[in-house]
Amino acid sequence: MKTPFVTKDQLEAIAAQYPTPFHIYDEQGIRENARRLRKAFAWNPGYREYFAVKAAPTPALLKLLHEEGCGCDCSSLTELMMAERIGCTGEHIMFSSNETPAEDYRLAAKLGATINLDDITHVDFLEKTIGYIPKKIGCRFNPGGDFVLNNSIMDTPQEAKYGMTREQLLKCVAWAKNKGIGYIGIHTMVISAELELPGLLGTISMMFDLANEIRNTHDVTVSFIDFGGGIGIPYRPEQEPVDLEGLGEGAKKLFEEKMRGFENTRICFECGRMITGPYGYLVTKAIHYKNIYRDYIGVDACMADLMRPGIYGAYHHVSVLGK
């Protein structure tokens, strides 16, 4: 079970100053986790974790992770503004967005972010919106079909709204090359909350194959490959966390097998829950007890405070301190 890093007395003292509900995080745990992930992929000189801001849009957490070398994966104007406020700009921002308003692209370009195009129609829209050709660009790939790993959250790309088809992505790469863009990358996000290495390494292998196809068809050696997020955390007591060291070793082996001539290609992740999820708590007080056909405990928190279980039915531990 998840062992709290604070005691009942400590939380009562904190709650006396900051009324419930609130979130509390284990700074040491988050820092050590970020360092562990970075170490697992240290074999790639340009490796970077772009923390998914949407997972925990809290400036203090973003600043902490920025200090640990993490960038920001942003998907909206507000997230870009938060990144800027903590001093995260330039190559430290990956901007991936669906149905992107013009003002979002303008701020991303102003901050020097790597703009990751989600759709082929965004090519002309981006150029018209910012008025020039960016120096760096990403192309988001949707492989279609099924990527079935017994994961109900996200494993059927053909039903997802993000990314381009293979044909569209190759067309986008050709556009970028013709425009003289020297920094071209590829990105995908096909699974979520995955705990097993085969699925995670399957994504990595797929993207390495795509990088080779791009070089063979367009004579472009991609500058970065972004595998998205997807690394899960053990919500249930019987589950084990992802073997990060094994993931890093497996990715290195695939790189050595498939990526000759890509020595300068950076690899990236955009993990969210994997970075902060095991080290955060929603602190709430029980305020009512109801006994009808079932027993209910009413608390002072609501779905707005912990939205994901309401959307996906995700399981979370409940710890009652002092019991």
C-alpha atoms as a PDB file:
ATOM      1  CA  MET A   1       0.000   0.000   0.000  1.00  0.00           C
ATOM      2  CA  LYS A   2       0.959   3.612  -0.462  1.00  0.00           C
ATOM      3  CA  THR A   3       2.671   4.780   2.731  1.00  0.00           C
ATOM      4  CA  PRO A   4       2.009   8.453   3.553  1.00  0.00           C
ATOM      5  CA  PHE A   5       5.065  10.645   3.983  1.00  0.00           C
ATOM      6  CA  VAL A   6       3.286  12.814   6.567  1.00  0.00           C
ATOM      7  CA  THR A   7       1.723  11.973   9.907  1.00  0.00           C
ATOM      8  CA  LYS A   8      -1.743  12.751  11.218  1.00  0.00           C
ATOM      9  CA  ASP A   9      -0.330  15.390  13.583  1.00  0.00           C
ATOM     10  CA  GLN A  10       1.628  17.042  10.778  1.00  0.00           C
ATOM     11  CA  LEU A  11      -1.418  17.199   8.527  1.00  0.00           C
ATOM     12  CA  GLU A  12      -3.617  18.601  11.277  1.00  0.00           C
ATOM     13  CA  ALA A  13      -1.066  21.363  11.848  1.00  0.00           C
ATOM     14  CA  ILE A  14      -0.937  22.116   8.106  1.00  0.00           C
ATOM     15  CA  ALA A  15      -4.740  22.039   7.816  1.00  0.00           C
ATOM     16  CA  ALA A  16      -4.984  24.592  10.612  1.00  0.00           C
ATOM     17  CA  GLN A  17      -3.219  27.038   8.285  1.00  0.00           C
ATOM     18  CA  TYR A  18      -4.426  25.770   4.898  1.00  0.00           C
ATOM     19  CA  PRO A  19      -8.027  24.508   5.097  1.00  0.00           C
ATOM     20  CA  THR A  20      -8.927  21.268   3.336  1.00  0.00           C
ATOM     21  CA  PRO A  21      -9.225  20.176   0.620  1.00  0.00           C
ATOM     22  CA  PHE A  22      -5.692  20.662  -0.671  1.00  0.00           C
ATOM     23  CA  HIS A  23      -2.956  18.705  -2.416  1.00  0.00           C
ATOM     24  CA  ILE A  24       0.361  17.988  -0.745  1.00  0.00           C
ATOM     25  CA  TYR A  25       3.484  16.612  -2.421  1.00  0.00           C
ATOM     26  CA  ASP A  26       6.674  14.862  -1.353  1.00  0.00           C
ATOM     27  CA  GLU A  27       9.416  17.074  -2.816  1.00  0.00           C
ATOM     28  CA  GLN A  28      12.233  14.645  -2.100  1.00  0.00           C
ATOM     29  CA  GLY A  29      10.335  11.765  -3.684  1.00  0.00           C
ATOM     30  CA  ILE A  30       9.609  13.776  -6.852  1.00  0.00           C
ATOM     31  CA  ARG A  31      13.209  14.945  -7.201  1.00  0.00           C
ATOM     32  CA  GLU A  32      14.590  11.428  -6.751  1.00  0.00           C
ATOM     33  CA  ASN A  33      12.071  10.038  -9.243  1.00  0.00           C
ATOM     34  CA  ALA A  34      12.986  12.623 -11.889  1.00  0.00           C
ATOM     35  CA  ARG A  35      16.673  11.873 -11.371  1.00  0.00           C
ATOM     36  CA  ARG A  36      16.074   8.142 -11.667  1.00  0.00           C
ATOM     37  CA  LEU A  37      14.299   8.566 -15.013  1.00  0.00           C
ATOM     38  CA  ARG A  38      17.042  10.858 -16.307  1.00  0.00           C
ATOM     39  CA  LYS A  39      19.729   8.379 -15.243  1.00  0.00           C
ATOM     40  CA  ALA A  40      17.942   5.511 -17.026  1.00  0.00           C
ATOM     41  CA  PHE A  41      18.280   7.388 -20.317  1.00  0.00           C
ATOM     42  CA  ALA A  42      21.615   9.108 -19.690  1.00  0.00           C
ATOM     43  CA  TRP A  43      23.084   7.026 -22.536  1.00  0.00           C
ATOM     44  CA  ASN A  44      21.374   9.489 -24.906  1.00  0.00           C
ATOM     45  CA  PRO A  45      23.247  12.825 -24.573  1.00  0.00           C
ATOM     46  CA  GLY A  46      20.258  14.973 -25.547  1.00  0.00           C
ATOM     47  CA  TYR A  47      17.639  13.158 -23.489  1.00  0.00           C
ATOM     48  CA  ARG A  48      14.991  15.310 -21.808  1.00  0.00           C
ATOM     49  CA  GLU A  49      11.797  14.762 -19.881  1.00  0.00           C
ATOM     50  CA  TYR A  50       9.165  17.390 -20.736  1.00  0.00           C
ATOM     51  CA  PHE A  51       6.831  17.240 -17.754  1.00  0.00           C
ATOM     52  CA  ALA A  52       3.175  17.164 -18.843  1.00  0.00           C
ATOM     53  CA  VAL A  53       1.952  20.403 -17.267  1.00  0.00           C
ATOM     54  CA  LYS A  54      -1.682  19.304 -17.548  1.00  0.00           C
ATOM     55  CA  ALA A  55      -0.948  16.483 -15.075  1.00  0.00           C
ATOM     56  CA  ALA A  56      -0.214  18.883 -12.210  1.00  0.00           C
ATOM     57  CA  PRO A  57      -0.441  22.542 -13.291  1.00  0.00           C
ATOM     58  CA  THR A  58       1.154  23.867 -10.126  1.00  0.00           C
ATOM     59  CA  PRO A  59       3.925  26.477 -10.478  1.00  0.00           C
ATOM     60  CA  ALA A  60       5.853  25.203  -7.445  1.00  0.00           C
ATOM     61  CA  LEU A  61       5.994  21.698  -8.921  1.00  0.00           C
ATOM     62  CA  LEU A  62       6.967  22.997 -12.362  1.00  0.00           C
ATOM     63  CA  LYS A  63       9.768  25.070 -10.872  1.00  0.00           C
ATOM     64  CA  LEU A  64      11.008  22.112  -8.817  1.00  0.00           C
ATOM     65  CA  LEU A  65      11.110  19.906 -11.918  1.00  0.00           C
ATOM     66  CA  HIS A  66      12.750  22.641 -13.977  1.00  0.00           C
ATOM     67  CA  GLU A  67      15.522  22.673 -11.374  1.00  0.00           C
ATOM     68  CA  GLU A  68      15.920  18.928 -12.036  1.00  0.00           C
ATOM     69  CA  GLY A  69      16.442  19.545 -15.748  1.00  0.00           C
ATOM     70  CA  CYS A  70      12.893  18.838 -16.898  1.00  0.00           C
ATOM     71  CA  GLY A  71      11.209  20.914 -19.536  1.00  0.00           C
ATOM     72  CA  CYS A  72       7.493  21.607 -19.902  1.00  0.00           C
ATOM     73  CA  ASP A  73       5.095  19.790 -22.215  1.00  0.00           C
ATOM     74  CA  CYS A  74       2.435  22.439 -22.839  1.00  0.00           C
ATOM     75  CA  SER A  75      -0.879  22.118 -24.645  1.00  0.00           C
ATOM     76  CA  SER A  76      -2.583  25.454 -24.020  1.00  0.00           C
ATOM     77  CA  LEU A  77      -2.009  29.184 -23.671  1.00  0.00           C
ATOM     78  CA  THR A  78      -2.271  29.021 -19.884  1.00  0.00           C
ATOM     79  CA  GLU A  79       0.308  26.247 -19.656  1.00  0.00           C
ATOM     80  CA  LEU A  80       2.691  28.250 -21.850  1.00  0.00           C
ATOM     81  CA  MET A  81       2.215  31.248 -19.554  1.00  0.00           C
ATOM     82  CA  MET A  82       2.974  29.109 -16.502  1.00  0.00           C
ATOM     83  CA  ALA A  83       6.135  27.772 -18.124  1.00  0.00           C
ATOM     84  CA  GLU A  84       7.293  31.301 -18.904  1.00  0.00           C
ATOM     85  CA  ARG A  85       6.636  32.465 -15.335  1.00  0.00           C
ATOM     86  CA  ILE A  86       8.942  29.804 -13.875  1.00  0.00           C
ATOM     87  CA  GLY A  87      11.711  30.648 -16.366  1.00  0.00           C
ATOM     88  CA  CYS A  88      11.129  27.725 -18.715  1.00  0.00           C
ATOM     89  CA  THR A  89      11.502  28.901 -22.331  1.00  0.00           C
ATOM     90  CA  GLY A  90      13.106  27.964 -25.631  1.00  0.00           C
ATOM     91  CA  GLU A  91      14.088  24.347 -26.173  1.00  0.00           C
ATOM     92  CA  HIS A  92      12.795  23.499 -22.699  1.00  0.00           C
ATOM     93  CA  ILE A  93       9.181  23.793 -23.971  1.00  0.00           C
ATOM     94  CA  MET A  94       7.461  21.236 -26.176  1.00  0.00           C
ATOM     95  CA  PHE A  95       4.143  22.597 -27.407  1.00  0.00           C
ATOM     96  CA  SER A  96       1.672  19.898 -28.502  1.00  0.00           C
ATOM     97  CA  SER A  97      -1.931  20.930 -28.959  1.00  0.00           C
ATOM     98  CA  ASN A  98      -5.160  19.931 -30.715  1.00  0.00           C
ATOM     99  CA  GLU A  99      -7.381  22.505 -32.458  1.00  0.00           C
ATOM    100  CA  THR A 100      -4.899  25.226 -31.553  1.00  0.00           C
ATOM    101  CA  PRO A 101      -6.019  28.882 -31.430  1.00  0.00           C
ATOM    102  CA  ALA A 102      -3.809  31.418 -33.181  1.00  0.00           C
ATOM    103  CA  GLU A 103      -2.811  33.149 -29.928  1.00  0.00           C
ATOM    104  CA  ASP A 104      -1.439  29.882 -28.548  1.00  0.00           C
ATOM    105  CA  TYR A 105       0.845  29.437 -31.540  1.00  0.00           C
ATOM    106  CA  ARG A 106       1.971  33.067 -31.296  1.00  0.00           C
ATOM    107  CA  LEU A 107       3.025  32.715 -27.661  1.00  0.00           C
ATOM    108  CA  ALA A 108       4.712  29.354 -28.298  1.00  0.00           C
ATOM    109  CA  ALA A 109       6.706  30.927 -31.127  1.00  0.00           C
ATOM    110  CA  LYS A 110       7.557  33.967 -29.003  1.00  0.00           C
ATOM    111  CA  LEU A 111       8.898  31.715 -26.239  1.00  0.00           C
ATOM    112  CA  GLY A 112      11.000  29.754 -28.736  1.00  0.00           C
ATOM    113  CA  ALA A 113       9.160  26.514 -27.997  1.00  0.00           C
ATOM    114  CA  THR A 114       9.411  23.489 -30.235  1.00  0.00           C
ATOM    115  CA  ILE A 115       6.000  23.492 -31.901  1.00  0.00           C
ATOM    116  CA  ASN A 116       4.655  20.004 -32.458  1.00  0.00           C
ATOM    117  CA  LEU A 117       2.109  20.068 -35.286  1.00  0.00           C
ATOM    118  CA  ASP A 118      -0.916  17.887 -34.644  1.00  0.00           C
ATOM    119  CA  ASP A 119      -2.513  18.053 -38.092  1.00  0.00           C
ATOM    120  CA  ILE A 120      -1.418  18.623 -41.673  1.00  0.00           C
ATOM    121  CA  THR A 121      -3.803  21.603 -41.947  1.00  0.00           C
ATOM    122  CA  HIS A 122      -1.890  23.318 -39.159  1.00  0.00           C
ATOM    123  CA  VAL A 123       1.123  23.764 -41.453  1.00  0.00           C
ATOM    124  CA  ASP A 124      -0.307  26.696 -43.409  1.00  0.00           C
ATOM    125  CA  PHE A 125      -2.199  27.958 -40.366  1.00  0.00           C
ATOM    126  CA  LEU A 126       0.985  28.185 -38.307  1.00  0.00           C
ATOM    127  CA  GLU A 127       2.919  30.019 -41.020  1.00  0.00           C
ATOM    128  CA  LYS A 128       0.119  32.525 -41.553  1.00  0.00           C
ATOM    129  CA  THR A 129      -0.404  32.966 -37.810  1.00  0.00           C
ATOM    130  CA  ILE A 130       3.163  33.732 -36.722  1.00  0.00           C
ATOM    131  CA  GLY A 131       4.222  35.277 -40.029  1.00  0.00           C
ATOM    132  CA  TYR A 132       7.419  33.310 -40.532  1.00  0.00           C
ATOM    133  CA  ILE A 133       8.871  29.822 -40.744  1.00  0.00           C
ATOM    134  CA  PRO A 134       9.954  28.472 -37.335  1.00  0.00           C
ATOM    135  CA  LYS A 135      13.463  27.082 -36.910  1.00  0.00           C
ATOM    136  CA  LYS A 136      12.221  23.951 -35.138  1.00  0.00           C
ATOM    137  CA  ILE A 137       9.185  21.794 -35.771  1.00  0.00           C
ATOM    138  CA  GLY A 138       7.698  18.515 -34.622  1.00  0.00           C
ATOM    139  CA  CYS A 139       5.206  16.236 -36.391  1.00  0.00           C
ATOM    140  CA  ARG A 140       2.771  14.246 -34.281  1.00  0.00           C
ATOM    141  CA  PHE A 141       2.105  10.705 -35.507  1.00  0.00           C
ATOM    142  CA  ASN A 142      -1.042   8.618 -35.125  1.00  0.00           C
ATOM    143  CA  PRO A 143      -0.330   5.062 -36.347  1.00  0.00           C
ATOM    144  CA  GLY A 144      -4.016   4.149 -36.477  1.00  0.00           C
ATOM    145  CA  GLY A 145      -5.303   0.646 -35.881  1.00  0.00           C
ATOM    146  CA  ASP A 146      -5.170  -0.976 -32.458  1.00  0.00           C
ATOM    147  CA  PHE A 147      -2.303  -0.862 -29.994  1.00  0.00           C
ATOM    148  CA  VAL A 148      -4.055  -3.230 -27.631  1.00  0.00           C
ATOM    149  CA  LEU A 149      -2.340  -3.848 -24.298  1.00  0.00           C
ATOM    150  CA  ASN A 150      -5.394  -4.477 -22.104  1.00  0.00           C
ATOM    151  CA  ASN A 151      -5.360  -0.808 -21.257  1.00  0.00           C
ATOM    152  CA  SER A 152      -8.815   0.779 -21.269  1.00  0.00           C
ATOM    153  CA  ILE A 153      -7.597   4.371 -21.081  1.00  0.00           C
ATOM    154  CA  MET A 154      -5.756   4.653 -24.374  1.00  0.00           C
ATOM    155  CA  ASP A 155      -4.728   1.868 -26.708  1.00  0.00           C
ATOM    156  CA  THR A 156      -6.763   2.338 -29.889  1.00  0.00           C
ATOM    157  CA  PRO A 157      -5.080   5.161 -31.831  1.00  0.00           C
ATOM    158  CA  GLN A 158      -7.581   5.049 -34.699  1.00  0.00           C
ATOM    159  CA  GLU A 159     -10.215   6.357 -32.266  1.00  0.00           C
ATOM    160  CA  ALA A 160      -7.993   9.147 -30.928  1.00  0.00           C
ATOM    161  CA  LYS A 161      -8.261  12.721 -32.159  1.00  0.00           C
ATOM    162  CA  TYR A 162      -4.541  13.471 -32.116  1.00  0.00           C
ATOM    163  CA  GLY A 163      -1.808  13.271 -34.713  1.00  0.00           C
ATOM    164  CA  MET A 164      -1.324  12.679 -38.424  1.00  0.00           C
ATOM    165  CA  THR A 165      -1.484   9.597 -40.573  1.00  0.00           C
ATOM    166  CA  ARG A 166       1.830   8.251 -41.891  1.00  0.00           C
ATOM    167  CA  GLU A 167       1.160   9.791 -45.315  1.00  0.00           C
ATOM    168  CA  GLN A 168       0.344  13.184 -43.783  1.00  0.00           C
ATOM    169  CA  LEU A 169       3.389  13.109 -41.520  1.00  0.00           C
ATOM    170  CA  LEU A 170       5.730  12.370 -44.430  1.00  0.00           C
ATOM    171  CA  LYS A 171       4.131  15.267 -46.292  1.00  0.00           C
ATOM    172  CA  CYS A 172       4.725  17.527 -43.286  1.00  0.00           C
ATOM    173  CA  VAL A 173       8.378  16.472 -43.123  1.00  0.00           C
ATOM    174  CA  ALA A 174       8.768  17.266 -46.834  1.00  0.00           C
ATOM    175  CA  TRP A 175       7.242  20.721 -46.234  1.00  0.00           C
ATOM    176  CA  ALA A 176       9.635  21.399 -43.361  1.00  0.00           C
ATOM    177  CA  LYS A 177      12.634  20.297 -45.408  1.00  0.00           C
ATOM    178  CA  ASN A 178      11.595  22.454 -48.373  1.00  0.00           C
ATOM    179  CA  LYS A 179      11.191  25.430 -46.059  1.00  0.00           C
ATOM    180  CA  GLY A 180      14.750  24.992 -44.818  1.00  0.00           C
ATOM    181  CA  ILE A 181      13.827  23.928 -41.283  1.00  0.00           C
ATOM    182  CA  GLY A 182      16.886  22.174 -39.935  1.00  0.00           C
ATOM    183  CA  TYR A 183      15.378  20.850 -36.710  1.00  0.00           C
ATOM    184  CA  ILE A 184      12.608  18.345 -37.452  1.00  0.00           C
ATOM    185  CA  GLY A 185      11.271  15.858 -34.931  1.00  0.00           C
ATOM    186  CA  ILE A 186       8.553  13.242 -34.550  1.00  0.00           C
ATOM    187  CA  HIS A 187       6.179  12.530 -31.673  1.00  0.00           C
ATOM    188  CA  THR A 188       3.497  10.037 -30.720  1.00  0.00           C
ATOM    189  CA  MET A 189       1.259   9.064 -27.811  1.00  0.00           C
ATOM    190  CA  VAL A 190      -0.361   5.666 -28.261  1.00  0.00           C
ATOM    191  CA  ILE A 191      -0.752   4.274 -24.742  1.00  0.00           C
ATOM    192  CA  SER A 192      -1.371   5.600 -21.265  1.00  0.00           C
ATOM    193  CA  ALA A 193      -0.930   4.258 -17.726  1.00  0.00           C
ATOM    194  CA  GLU A 194       1.127   1.332 -19.042  1.00  0.00           C
ATOM    195  CA  LEU A 195       3.058  -0.744 -16.492  1.00  0.00           C
ATOM    196  CA  GLU A 196       4.587  -3.401 -18.738  1.00  0.00           C
ATOM    197  CA  LEU A 197       7.805  -2.976 -20.718  1.00  0.00           C
ATOM    198  CA  PRO A 198       6.606  -4.680 -23.961  1.00  0.00           C
ATOM    199  CA  GLY A 199       4.071  -1.933 -24.641  1.00  0.00           C
ATOM    200  CA  LEU A 200       6.438   0.903 -23.793  1.00  0.00           C
ATOM    201  CA  LEU A 201       9.288  -0.595 -25.805  1.00  0.00           C
ATOM    202  CA  GLY A 202       6.848  -1.320 -28.630  1.00  0.00           C
ATOM    203  CA  THR A 203       6.153   2.399 -28.912  1.00  0.00           C
ATOM    204  CA  ILE A 204       9.881   3.155 -28.943  1.00  0.00           C
ATOM    205  CA  SER A 205      10.563   0.524 -31.613  1.00  0.00           C
ATOM    206  CA  MET A 206       7.723   1.853 -33.780  1.00  0.00           C
ATOM    207  CA  MET A 207       9.128   5.391 -33.667  1.00  0.00           C
ATOM    208  CA  PHE A 208      12.654   4.225 -34.469  1.00  0.00           C
ATOM    209  CA  ASP A 209      11.228   2.485 -37.558  1.00  0.00           C
ATOM    210  CA  LEU A 210       9.423   5.688 -38.534  1.00  0.00           C
ATOM    211  CA  ALA A 211      12.646   7.692 -38.160  1.00  0.00           C
ATOM    212  CA  ASN A 212      14.374   5.299 -40.551  1.00  0.00           C
ATOM    213  CA  GLU A 213      11.503   5.544 -43.037  1.00  0.00           C
ATOM    214  CA  ILE A 214      11.762   9.341 -42.992  1.00  0.00           C
ATOM    215  CA  ARG A 215      15.488   9.214 -43.666  1.00  0.00           C
ATOM    216  CA  ASN A 216      15.077   6.654 -46.456  1.00  0.00           C
ATOM    217  CA  THR A 217      12.267   8.535 -48.207  1.00  0.00           C
ATOM    218  CA  HIS A 218      13.181  12.187 -47.560  1.00  0.00           C
ATOM    219  CA  ASP A 219      16.881  12.146 -46.642  1.00  0.00           C
ATOM    220  CA  VAL A 220      16.041  13.765 -43.287  1.00  0.00           C
ATOM    221  CA  THR A 221      17.650  12.582 -40.067  1.00  0.00           C
ATOM    222  CA  VAL A 222      15.148  13.566 -37.375  1.00  0.00           C
ATOM    223  CA  SER A 223      16.547  15.790 -34.643  1.00  0.00           C
ATOM    224  CA  PHE A 224      14.363  14.379 -31.885  1.00  0.00           C
ATOM    225  CA  ILE A 225      11.975  11.529 -31.187  1.00  0.00           C
ATOM    226  CA  ASP A 226       9.340  12.165 -28.524  1.00  0.00           C
ATOM    227  CA  PHE A 227       7.646   9.027 -27.201  1.00  0.00           C
ATOM    228  CA  GLY A 228       4.980  10.985 -25.329  1.00  0.00           C
ATOM    229  CA  GLY A 229       4.056   9.825 -21.852  1.00  0.00           C
ATOM    230  CA  GLY A 230       2.327   6.561 -21.173  1.00  0.00           C
ATOM    231  CA  ILE A 231       4.433   5.273 -18.289  1.00  0.00           C
ATOM    232  CA  GLY A 232       1.954   4.249 -15.605  1.00  0.00           C
ATOM    233  CA  ILE A 233       2.069   4.042 -11.831  1.00  0.00           C
ATOM    234  CA  PRO A 234       0.848   1.223  -9.560  1.00  0.00           C
ATOM    235  CA  TYR A 235      -2.570   2.370  -8.397  1.00  0.00           C
ATOM    236  CA  ARG A 236      -3.462  -0.983  -6.839  1.00  0.00           C
ATOM    237  CA  PRO A 237      -1.559  -2.800  -4.070  1.00  0.00           C
ATOM    238  CA  GLU A 238      -0.926  -5.863  -6.243  1.00  0.00           C
ATOM    239  CA  GLN A 239       0.683  -3.815  -9.044  1.00  0.00           C
ATOM    240  CA  GLU A 240       4.401  -3.170  -9.456  1.00  0.00           C
ATOM    241  CA  PRO A 241       5.948   0.092 -10.712  1.00  0.00           C
ATOM    242  CA  VAL A 242       7.591   0.254 -14.120  1.00  0.00           C
ATOM    243  CA  ASP A 243      11.176  -0.960 -14.211  1.00  0.00           C
ATOM    244  CA  LEU A 244      12.713   2.327 -15.350  1.00  0.00           C
ATOM    245  CA  GLU A 245      16.209   0.897 -15.506  1.00  0.00           C
ATOM    246  CA  GLY A 246      14.931  -1.979 -17.632  1.00  0.00           C
ATOM    247  CA  LEU A 247      13.086   0.474 -19.865  1.00  0.00           C
ATOM    248  CA  GLY A 248      16.239   2.530 -20.348  1.00  0.00           C
ATOM    249  CA  GLU A 249      18.309  -0.559 -21.113  1.00  0.00           C
ATOM    250  CA  GLY A 250      15.692  -1.869 -23.543  1.00  0.00           C
ATOM    251  CA  ALA A 251      15.487   1.473 -25.323  1.00  0.00           C
ATOM    252  CA  LYS A 252      19.292   1.627 -25.581  1.00  0.00           C
ATOM    253  CA  LYS A 253      19.387  -1.842 -27.125  1.00  0.00           C
ATOM    254  CA  LEU A 254      16.755  -0.881 -29.699  1.00  0.00           C
ATOM    255  CA  PHE A 255      18.636   2.333 -30.466  1.00  0.00           C
ATOM    256  CA  GLU A 256      21.859   0.421 -31.084  1.00  0.00           C
ATOM    257  CA  GLU A 257      20.033  -2.086 -33.294  1.00  0.00           C
ATOM    258  CA  LYS A 258      17.976   0.317 -35.372  1.00  0.00           C
ATOM    259  CA  MET A 259      19.458   3.798 -35.218  1.00  0.00           C
ATOM    260  CA  ARG A 260      22.860   3.786 -36.884  1.00  0.00           C
ATOM    261  CA  GLY A 261      23.559   7.258 -38.157  1.00  0.00           C
ATOM    262  CA  PHE A 262      21.188   8.840 -35.626  1.00  0.00           C
ATOM    263  CA  GLU A 263      23.864   9.455 -32.985  1.00  0.00           C
ATOM    264  CA  ASN A 264      22.812  13.133 -32.607  1.00  0.00           C
ATOM    265  CA  THR A 265      19.094  12.397 -32.402  1.00  0.00           C
ATOM    266  CA  ARG A 266      17.619  13.344 -29.032  1.00  0.00           C
ATOM    267  CA  ILE A 267      15.001  11.174 -27.361  1.00  0.00           C
ATOM    268  CA  CYS A 268      12.319  12.611 -25.110  1.00  0.00           C
ATOM    269  CA  PHE A 269       9.401  11.675 -22.900  1.00  0.00           C
ATOM    270  CA  GLU A 270       6.415  13.730 -21.727  1.00  0.00           C
ATOM    271  CA  CYS A 271       5.523  11.908 -18.534  1.00  0.00           C
ATOM    272  CA  GLY A 272       3.036  13.378 -16.102  1.00  0.00           C
ATOM    273  CA  ARG A 273       1.528  10.961 -13.589  1.00  0.00           C
ATOM    274  CA  MET A 274       4.721   8.850 -13.502  1.00  0.00           C
ATOM    275  CA  ILE A 275       6.699  11.839 -12.187  1.00  0.00           C
ATOM    276  CA  THR A 276       4.385  13.227  -9.507  1.00  0.00           C
ATOM    277  CA  GLY A 277       1.554  10.699  -9.070  1.00  0.00           C
ATOM    278  CA  PRO A 278       3.191   8.428  -6.479  1.00  0.00           C
ATOM    279  CA  TYR A 279       4.217  11.438  -4.391  1.00  0.00           C
ATOM    280  CA  GLY A 280       1.045  13.468  -4.093  1.00  0.00           C
ATOM    281  CA  TYR A 281      -2.049  13.332  -1.904  1.00  0.00           C
ATOM    282  CA  LEU A 282      -5.424  14.991  -1.931  1.00  0.00           C
ATOM    283  CA  VAL A 283      -6.060  15.849   1.719  1.00  0.00           C
ATOM    284  CA  THR A 284      -9.741  15.995   2.638  1.00  0.00           C
ATOM    285  CA  LYS A 285     -11.830  15.744   5.804  1.00  0.00           C
ATOM    286  CA  ALA A 286     -14.801  13.485   6.424  1.00  0.00           C
ATOM    287  CA  ILE A 287     -17.794  15.671   7.236  1.00  0.00           C
ATOM    288  CA  HIS A 288     -20.781  13.305   7.054  1.00  0.00           C
ATOM    289  CA  TYR A 289     -21.583   9.621   7.454  1.00  0.00           C
ATOM    290  CA  LYS A 290     -24.618   8.131   5.745  1.00  0.00           C
ATOM    291  CA  ASN A 291     -26.016   4.628   6.179  1.00  0.00           C
ATOM    292  CA  ILE A 292     -28.750   3.485   3.782  1.00  0.00           C
ATOM    293  CA  TYR A 293     -28.413   0.528   1.389  1.00  0.00           C
ATOM    294  CA  ARG A 294     -24.674   1.162   1.436  1.00  0.00           C
ATOM    295  CA  ASP A 295     -22.404   3.106   3.750  1.00  0.00           C
ATOM    296  CA  TYR A 296     -21.176   6.499   2.548  1.00  0.00           C
ATOM    297  CA  ILE A 297     -18.551   8.891   3.873  1.00  0.00           C
ATOM    298  CA  GLY A 298     -19.052  12.477   2.736  1.00  0.00           C
ATOM    299  CA  VAL A 299     -15.913  14.593   2.425  1.00  0.00           C
ATOM    300  CA  ASP A 300     -15.217  18.246   1.751  1.00  0.00           C
ATOM    301  CA  ALA A 301     -13.499  17.482  -1.590  1.00  0.00           C
ATOM    302  CA  CYS A 302     -15.248  16.863  -4.895  1.00  0.00           C
ATOM    303  CA  MET A 303     -14.578  15.757  -8.463  1.00  0.00           C
ATOM    304  CA  ALA A 304     -12.986  19.117  -9.267  1.00  0.00           C
ATOM    305  CA  ASP A 305     -10.223  18.279  -6.790  1.00  0.00           C
ATOM    306  CA  LEU A 306      -9.432  14.844  -8.255  1.00  0.00           C
ATOM    307  CA  MET A 307     -11.027  14.640 -11.677  1.00  0.00           C
ATOM    308  CA  ARG A 308      -9.416  11.585 -13.258  1.00  0.00           C
ATOM    309  CA  PRO A 309     -11.279   8.912 -11.210  1.00  0.00           C
ATOM    310  CA  GLY A 310     -14.552  10.482 -12.269  1.00  0.00           C
ATOM    311  CA  ILE A 311     -13.574  10.437 -15.934  1.00  0.00           C
ATOM    312  CA  TYR A 312     -11.800   7.096 -16.212  1.00  0.00           C
ATOM    313  CA  GLY A 313     -12.874   5.185 -13.127  1.00  0.00           C
ATOM    314  CA  ALA A 314      -9.234   5.098 -12.047  1.00  0.00           C
ATOM    315  CA  TYR A 315      -8.564   3.531  -8.672  1.00  0.00           C
ATOM    316  CA  HIS A 316      -6.867   5.561  -5.946  1.00  0.00           C
ATOM    317  CA  HIS A 317      -5.773   4.522  -2.500  1.00  0.00           C
ATOM    318  CA  VAL A 318      -7.628   6.005   0.451  1.00  0.00           C
ATOM    319  CA  SER A 319      -5.523   6.355   3.583  1.00  0.00           C
ATOM    320  CA  VAL A 320      -7.181   7.309   6.875  1.00  0.00           C
ATOM    321  CA  LEU A 321      -4.458   8.754   9.031  1.00  0.00           C
ATOM    322  CA  GLY A 322      -4.510   7.724  12.664  1.00  0.00           C
ATOM    323  CA  LYS A 323      -6.366   4.478  11.903  1.00  0.00           C
END
